[in-house]
N, C-alpha and C. Protein backbone atom coordinates (compact mmCIF):
# COMPACT_ATOMS: atom_id res chain seq x y z
N MET A 1 -41.66 -7.95 -112.36
CA MET A 1 -40.60 -6.59 -111.58
C MET A 1 -39.23 -7.48 -111.37
N ALA A 2 -38.33 -6.89 -112.54
CA ALA A 2 -37.29 -7.74 -112.11
C ALA A 2 -36.16 -6.59 -111.33
N GLU A 3 -35.38 -7.39 -110.53
CA GLU A 3 -34.87 -6.70 -109.00
C GLU A 3 -33.46 -6.34 -110.03
N THR A 4 -32.88 -5.29 -109.59
CA THR A 4 -31.49 -4.86 -109.61
C THR A 4 -30.57 -5.01 -108.49
N GLU A 5 -29.72 -5.60 -109.33
CA GLU A 5 -28.61 -5.51 -107.66
C GLU A 5 -27.86 -4.20 -107.76
N SER A 6 -27.60 -3.77 -106.40
CA SER A 6 -27.11 -2.60 -106.19
C SER A 6 -25.80 -2.85 -105.77
N THR A 7 -24.52 -2.10 -105.86
CA THR A 7 -22.85 -2.74 -105.53
C THR A 7 -22.84 -1.50 -103.81
N GLN A 8 -23.90 -0.47 -104.04
CA GLN A 8 -23.94 0.67 -102.52
C GLN A 8 -23.92 -0.53 -101.33
N THR A 9 -23.26 0.18 -100.55
CA THR A 9 -23.70 0.06 -99.36
C THR A 9 -23.78 1.18 -98.35
N GLU A 10 -23.56 0.71 -96.70
CA GLU A 10 -24.55 1.73 -96.51
C GLU A 10 -23.58 2.88 -95.80
N TYR A 11 -22.57 2.68 -96.36
CA TYR A 11 -21.73 3.44 -95.94
C TYR A 11 -21.35 4.84 -97.33
N ASP A 12 -22.34 4.17 -98.52
CA ASP A 12 -21.74 5.03 -99.59
C ASP A 12 -23.09 5.90 -99.33
N PRO A 13 -22.20 7.39 -100.04
CA PRO A 13 -23.71 8.18 -99.96
C PRO A 13 -24.88 8.14 -100.20
N LEU A 14 -25.81 8.95 -100.15
CA LEU A 14 -27.06 8.74 -101.48
C LEU A 14 -27.15 9.39 -102.35
N LEU A 15 -26.65 10.48 -102.21
CA LEU A 15 -26.86 10.90 -103.40
C LEU A 15 -25.33 11.55 -104.36
N GLN A 16 -25.36 10.92 -105.61
CA GLN A 16 -23.90 10.93 -105.47
C GLN A 16 -23.57 12.22 -106.62
N ASN A 17 -22.68 12.71 -107.12
CA ASN A 17 -22.30 13.54 -107.17
C ASN A 17 -21.88 13.02 -108.70
N ASN A 18 -22.55 14.00 -109.72
CA ASN A 18 -23.04 13.75 -111.32
C ASN A 18 -21.76 14.01 -111.71
N ASP A 19 -20.74 15.25 -111.46
CA ASP A 19 -20.02 16.36 -112.51
C ASP A 19 -18.81 15.94 -112.35
N GLY A 20 -18.49 15.27 -111.55
CA GLY A 20 -17.23 14.79 -111.09
C GLY A 20 -16.15 15.83 -110.91
N VAL A 21 -17.01 17.33 -109.82
CA VAL A 21 -16.24 17.83 -109.82
C VAL A 21 -16.50 17.79 -107.63
N GLN A 22 -14.81 17.83 -106.79
CA GLN A 22 -14.88 17.57 -105.75
C GLN A 22 -15.45 18.86 -105.33
N GLU A 23 -15.84 18.87 -104.39
CA GLU A 23 -16.42 20.02 -103.32
C GLU A 23 -14.86 20.65 -103.21
N GLN A 24 -15.04 21.59 -102.91
CA GLN A 24 -13.78 22.24 -101.97
C GLN A 24 -14.30 22.38 -100.25
N LEU A 25 -13.36 22.68 -99.50
CA LEU A 25 -13.61 22.88 -98.66
C LEU A 25 -13.57 23.67 -97.95
N THR A 26 -14.30 24.09 -96.76
CA THR A 26 -14.33 25.31 -96.65
C THR A 26 -13.16 26.25 -96.02
N PRO A 27 -12.88 27.16 -95.74
CA PRO A 27 -11.85 27.11 -94.77
C PRO A 27 -12.49 28.51 -93.38
N LEU A 28 -11.40 28.36 -92.50
CA LEU A 28 -11.94 28.30 -91.11
C LEU A 28 -12.13 29.44 -91.11
N PRO A 29 -13.44 30.42 -89.82
CA PRO A 29 -13.23 31.61 -90.43
C PRO A 29 -11.94 32.47 -89.12
N LYS A 30 -11.16 32.37 -89.17
CA LYS A 30 -9.42 32.74 -88.45
C LYS A 30 -10.30 33.85 -87.40
N LEU A 31 -10.35 34.92 -88.39
CA LEU A 31 -10.92 36.06 -87.62
C LEU A 31 -12.01 36.26 -86.47
N GLN A 32 -12.59 35.62 -87.24
CA GLN A 32 -13.66 35.55 -85.98
C GLN A 32 -13.48 34.23 -84.28
N LEU A 33 -12.60 33.43 -85.08
CA LEU A 33 -12.15 32.78 -84.15
C LEU A 33 -11.11 33.02 -83.22
N PHE A 34 -10.31 34.22 -83.46
CA PHE A 34 -9.13 34.88 -82.87
C PHE A 34 -10.23 35.82 -81.89
N CYS A 35 -11.06 36.14 -82.55
CA CYS A 35 -11.60 36.68 -81.44
C CYS A 35 -12.56 36.53 -80.31
N VAL A 36 -13.09 35.20 -80.51
CA VAL A 36 -14.01 33.97 -79.52
C VAL A 36 -12.44 34.14 -79.07
N PHE A 37 -11.57 33.72 -79.21
CA PHE A 37 -10.38 33.45 -77.93
C PHE A 37 -10.07 34.11 -77.35
N LEU A 38 -9.45 35.40 -77.65
CA LEU A 38 -9.20 36.68 -77.46
C LEU A 38 -10.54 36.60 -75.72
N ILE A 39 -11.43 36.90 -76.23
CA ILE A 39 -12.68 37.46 -75.23
C ILE A 39 -12.82 35.88 -74.22
N GLN A 40 -12.83 34.65 -74.67
CA GLN A 40 -12.87 33.73 -73.69
C GLN A 40 -11.38 33.80 -72.58
N ALA A 41 -10.17 34.45 -73.88
CA ALA A 41 -9.09 34.40 -72.44
C ALA A 41 -9.12 35.49 -71.44
N ALA A 42 -9.53 37.03 -72.15
CA ALA A 42 -9.78 37.96 -71.12
C ALA A 42 -10.72 38.01 -70.03
N GLU A 43 -11.72 37.12 -70.28
CA GLU A 43 -12.62 36.95 -69.10
C GLU A 43 -11.92 36.54 -67.38
N PRO A 44 -10.85 35.87 -67.67
CA PRO A 44 -11.22 35.10 -66.74
C PRO A 44 -9.72 36.72 -65.96
N VAL A 45 -8.77 36.90 -66.68
CA VAL A 45 -8.24 38.47 -66.24
C VAL A 45 -9.14 39.73 -65.69
N THR A 46 -9.92 39.44 -66.45
CA THR A 46 -10.99 40.71 -66.21
C THR A 46 -11.57 40.31 -64.41
N ALA A 47 -11.96 39.12 -64.75
CA ALA A 47 -12.31 38.75 -63.08
C ALA A 47 -11.26 38.94 -61.57
N THR A 48 -10.21 39.07 -62.33
CA THR A 48 -9.37 39.06 -61.08
C THR A 48 -8.79 40.18 -60.88
N VAL A 49 -9.23 40.91 -61.71
CA VAL A 49 -8.61 42.38 -61.75
C VAL A 49 -9.23 43.18 -60.55
N ILE A 50 -11.09 43.48 -60.45
CA ILE A 50 -11.63 43.85 -59.31
C ILE A 50 -10.97 43.17 -57.96
N TYR A 51 -10.18 42.79 -57.57
CA TYR A 51 -10.28 42.09 -56.27
C TYR A 51 -9.79 43.26 -55.13
N PRO A 52 -8.57 44.03 -56.27
CA PRO A 52 -8.81 45.38 -55.14
C PRO A 52 -9.25 46.07 -54.69
N PHE A 53 -10.12 46.34 -55.66
CA PHE A 53 -11.27 47.02 -55.48
C PHE A 53 -12.47 46.42 -54.20
N ILE A 54 -12.73 45.45 -54.30
CA ILE A 54 -13.92 44.95 -53.35
C ILE A 54 -14.00 45.05 -52.30
N ASN A 55 -12.21 45.31 -51.20
CA ASN A 55 -12.76 46.11 -50.12
C ASN A 55 -12.82 47.84 -50.02
N GLN A 56 -12.22 48.50 -51.05
CA GLN A 56 -12.70 49.30 -51.24
C GLN A 56 -13.94 50.19 -51.38
N PHE A 57 -14.88 49.09 -51.89
CA PHE A 57 -16.25 49.44 -52.40
C PHE A 57 -16.74 48.74 -50.82
N VAL A 58 -16.31 48.03 -49.90
CA VAL A 58 -17.10 47.97 -49.09
C VAL A 58 -17.07 48.94 -47.76
N ARG A 59 -15.61 48.83 -47.96
CA ARG A 59 -15.37 50.34 -47.17
C ARG A 59 -16.49 51.48 -47.21
N GLU A 60 -16.73 51.84 -48.50
CA GLU A 60 -17.12 52.93 -48.49
C GLU A 60 -18.89 52.84 -48.88
N THR A 61 -18.99 51.91 -48.68
CA THR A 61 -20.77 51.75 -48.57
C THR A 61 -20.98 51.87 -47.24
N GLY A 62 -20.01 51.52 -46.36
CA GLY A 62 -20.63 52.05 -44.59
C GLY A 62 -20.72 50.96 -44.33
N ILE A 63 -20.99 49.47 -44.93
CA ILE A 63 -22.22 48.60 -44.13
C ILE A 63 -21.43 47.59 -42.41
N THR A 64 -19.88 48.01 -42.75
CA THR A 64 -18.76 47.73 -41.71
C THR A 64 -18.58 48.33 -40.01
N GLY A 65 -18.76 49.88 -40.66
CA GLY A 65 -18.92 50.73 -39.07
C GLY A 65 -17.31 51.20 -39.18
N GLY A 66 -16.73 50.71 -39.76
CA GLY A 66 -14.80 50.96 -39.96
C GLY A 66 -14.07 49.88 -39.41
N ASP A 67 -14.98 48.55 -39.38
CA ASP A 67 -14.59 47.26 -38.89
C ASP A 67 -13.97 46.52 -40.05
N GLU A 68 -12.49 46.33 -39.32
CA GLU A 68 -11.58 45.99 -40.74
C GLU A 68 -12.18 44.20 -40.79
N LYS A 69 -12.22 43.53 -39.66
CA LYS A 69 -12.83 42.20 -39.64
C LYS A 69 -13.65 41.92 -40.20
N LYS A 70 -15.00 43.34 -40.44
CA LYS A 70 -16.48 43.00 -41.00
C LYS A 70 -15.74 42.91 -42.83
N THR A 71 -14.50 44.14 -43.24
CA THR A 71 -14.68 44.72 -44.68
C THR A 71 -14.09 43.19 -44.95
N GLY A 72 -13.29 42.68 -44.33
CA GLY A 72 -12.94 40.95 -45.12
C GLY A 72 -14.23 39.71 -44.74
N TYR A 73 -14.92 39.67 -44.17
CA TYR A 73 -16.08 39.67 -44.29
C TYR A 73 -16.65 39.33 -45.71
N TYR A 74 -17.17 40.83 -45.50
CA TYR A 74 -18.07 41.10 -47.10
C TYR A 74 -17.78 41.14 -48.35
N ALA A 75 -16.08 41.57 -48.13
CA ALA A 75 -15.44 41.33 -49.43
C ALA A 75 -15.23 40.12 -50.18
N GLY A 76 -15.11 39.05 -49.11
CA GLY A 76 -15.04 37.58 -48.92
C GLY A 76 -16.79 37.17 -49.56
N LEU A 77 -17.47 37.60 -49.02
CA LEU A 77 -18.42 37.25 -49.58
C LEU A 77 -19.08 37.63 -50.73
N ILE A 78 -18.93 38.79 -51.58
CA ILE A 78 -18.78 39.24 -52.36
C ILE A 78 -18.17 38.35 -53.46
N VAL A 79 -17.22 38.06 -53.66
CA VAL A 79 -16.23 37.06 -54.37
C VAL A 79 -16.65 36.15 -54.85
N ARG A 80 -17.62 35.00 -53.38
CA ARG A 80 -18.09 33.88 -53.11
C ARG A 80 -19.35 33.95 -53.81
N ILE A 81 -20.00 35.15 -53.97
CA ILE A 81 -21.49 35.20 -54.52
C ILE A 81 -21.47 35.02 -56.41
N SER A 82 -19.87 35.97 -56.40
CA SER A 82 -19.51 35.98 -57.61
C SER A 82 -19.33 34.68 -58.56
N ALA A 83 -18.50 34.08 -58.04
CA ALA A 83 -17.90 32.80 -58.18
C ALA A 83 -19.35 31.75 -58.04
N PHE A 84 -19.90 31.60 -57.39
CA PHE A 84 -21.01 30.76 -56.98
C PHE A 84 -22.17 31.20 -58.60
N THR A 85 -22.21 32.36 -58.91
CA THR A 85 -23.06 32.39 -60.00
C THR A 85 -22.36 31.86 -61.00
N ARG A 86 -20.82 31.89 -61.14
CA ARG A 86 -21.07 31.79 -62.43
C ARG A 86 -20.73 30.44 -62.68
N HIS A 87 -20.54 29.84 -61.44
CA HIS A 87 -20.71 27.73 -61.45
C HIS A 87 -22.43 27.90 -61.39
N LEU A 88 -23.49 28.32 -61.25
CA LEU A 88 -24.68 28.68 -61.83
C LEU A 88 -24.73 29.08 -63.24
N THR A 89 -24.20 29.83 -63.72
CA THR A 89 -24.55 29.58 -65.45
C THR A 89 -23.69 28.75 -66.00
N ARG A 90 -23.11 28.02 -66.15
CA ARG A 90 -22.46 26.90 -65.83
C ARG A 90 -23.46 25.89 -65.69
N ILE A 91 -24.01 25.52 -64.89
CA ILE A 91 -24.70 24.52 -64.60
C ILE A 91 -26.31 24.53 -65.79
N ALA A 92 -26.58 26.18 -66.08
CA ALA A 92 -27.95 26.13 -66.63
C ALA A 92 -27.53 25.83 -68.19
N ARG A 93 -26.34 26.31 -68.19
CA ARG A 93 -25.84 25.64 -69.75
C ARG A 93 -26.33 23.90 -70.15
N CYS A 94 -25.64 23.42 -69.12
CA CYS A 94 -25.91 21.96 -68.78
C CYS A 94 -27.96 21.87 -68.51
N LEU A 95 -27.92 21.61 -67.34
CA LEU A 95 -29.33 21.10 -67.25
C LEU A 95 -30.32 22.26 -68.43
N GLY A 96 -30.36 23.26 -68.68
CA GLY A 96 -31.81 24.20 -68.68
C GLY A 96 -32.15 24.53 -67.49
N ILE A 97 -32.08 25.81 -67.98
CA ILE A 97 -32.60 27.92 -67.50
C ILE A 97 -33.58 27.53 -66.54
N ARG A 98 -34.80 26.32 -66.95
CA ARG A 98 -35.66 26.34 -65.70
C ARG A 98 -35.69 25.79 -64.79
N ILE A 99 -35.22 24.40 -65.11
CA ILE A 99 -34.37 23.78 -63.49
C ILE A 99 -33.49 24.31 -62.45
N LEU A 100 -32.71 25.07 -63.26
CA LEU A 100 -31.89 26.50 -62.18
C LEU A 100 -32.70 27.30 -61.65
N LEU A 101 -33.60 27.61 -62.52
CA LEU A 101 -35.03 28.53 -61.76
C LEU A 101 -35.06 28.08 -60.58
N CYS A 102 -35.75 27.46 -60.77
CA CYS A 102 -36.70 26.60 -60.06
C CYS A 102 -35.36 26.47 -58.22
N ARG A 103 -34.42 25.84 -58.67
CA ARG A 103 -33.74 25.69 -57.73
C ARG A 103 -33.03 26.70 -57.51
N GLU A 104 -32.92 28.05 -57.56
CA GLU A 104 -31.98 29.47 -56.75
C GLU A 104 -33.71 29.63 -55.97
N PHE A 105 -34.90 29.61 -56.84
CA PHE A 105 -36.05 29.92 -55.97
C PHE A 105 -36.00 28.67 -54.16
N ASP A 106 -35.48 27.50 -54.65
CA ASP A 106 -35.58 26.77 -53.64
C ASP A 106 -34.63 26.91 -52.66
N CYS A 107 -33.94 27.21 -52.96
CA CYS A 107 -32.47 28.06 -52.21
C CYS A 107 -32.89 29.33 -51.61
N CYS A 108 -33.88 30.32 -51.95
CA CYS A 108 -34.13 31.82 -51.46
C CYS A 108 -35.22 31.77 -50.52
N VAL A 109 -35.78 30.25 -51.11
CA VAL A 109 -36.78 30.24 -49.64
C VAL A 109 -36.72 29.47 -48.42
N LEU A 110 -35.63 28.32 -48.59
CA LEU A 110 -34.16 27.93 -47.65
C LEU A 110 -34.00 29.00 -47.02
N GLY A 111 -33.44 29.60 -47.64
CA GLY A 111 -32.57 30.77 -47.00
C GLY A 111 -33.52 31.77 -45.92
N SER A 112 -34.56 31.91 -46.63
CA SER A 112 -35.68 33.23 -45.60
C SER A 112 -35.64 32.44 -44.19
N PHE A 113 -36.20 31.18 -44.62
CA PHE A 113 -36.10 30.44 -42.78
C PHE A 113 -35.28 29.94 -42.14
N ILE A 114 -34.35 30.06 -42.47
CA ILE A 114 -33.21 29.61 -41.49
C ILE A 114 -32.47 30.58 -40.37
N ARG A 115 -32.81 31.93 -41.42
CA ARG A 115 -32.33 33.64 -40.03
C ARG A 115 -33.46 33.51 -39.57
């Protein structure tokens, strides 16, 4: 069996387009990308809109008993928990949800022993 010489390199495509027709580039879905961009841009705005209402919410729940120092404490606690959960969702995307749930469970168990 005679060997045939090949002039192909490793950079050449394995399947050749024998029609002579070049492939058309697919256009970007501009409307869908704009919608995604709009949603991504609106999320930080909506996260900051709730700040003026947190103090009112804490006062109306009655957990502070009218003490303004406690109102500020609980409002800050709500804001920190919100930021922490946003951070945890970013970690969950990177590590995977199972690891994150195990860490949250560990934190809950540890927190129950601290009290």
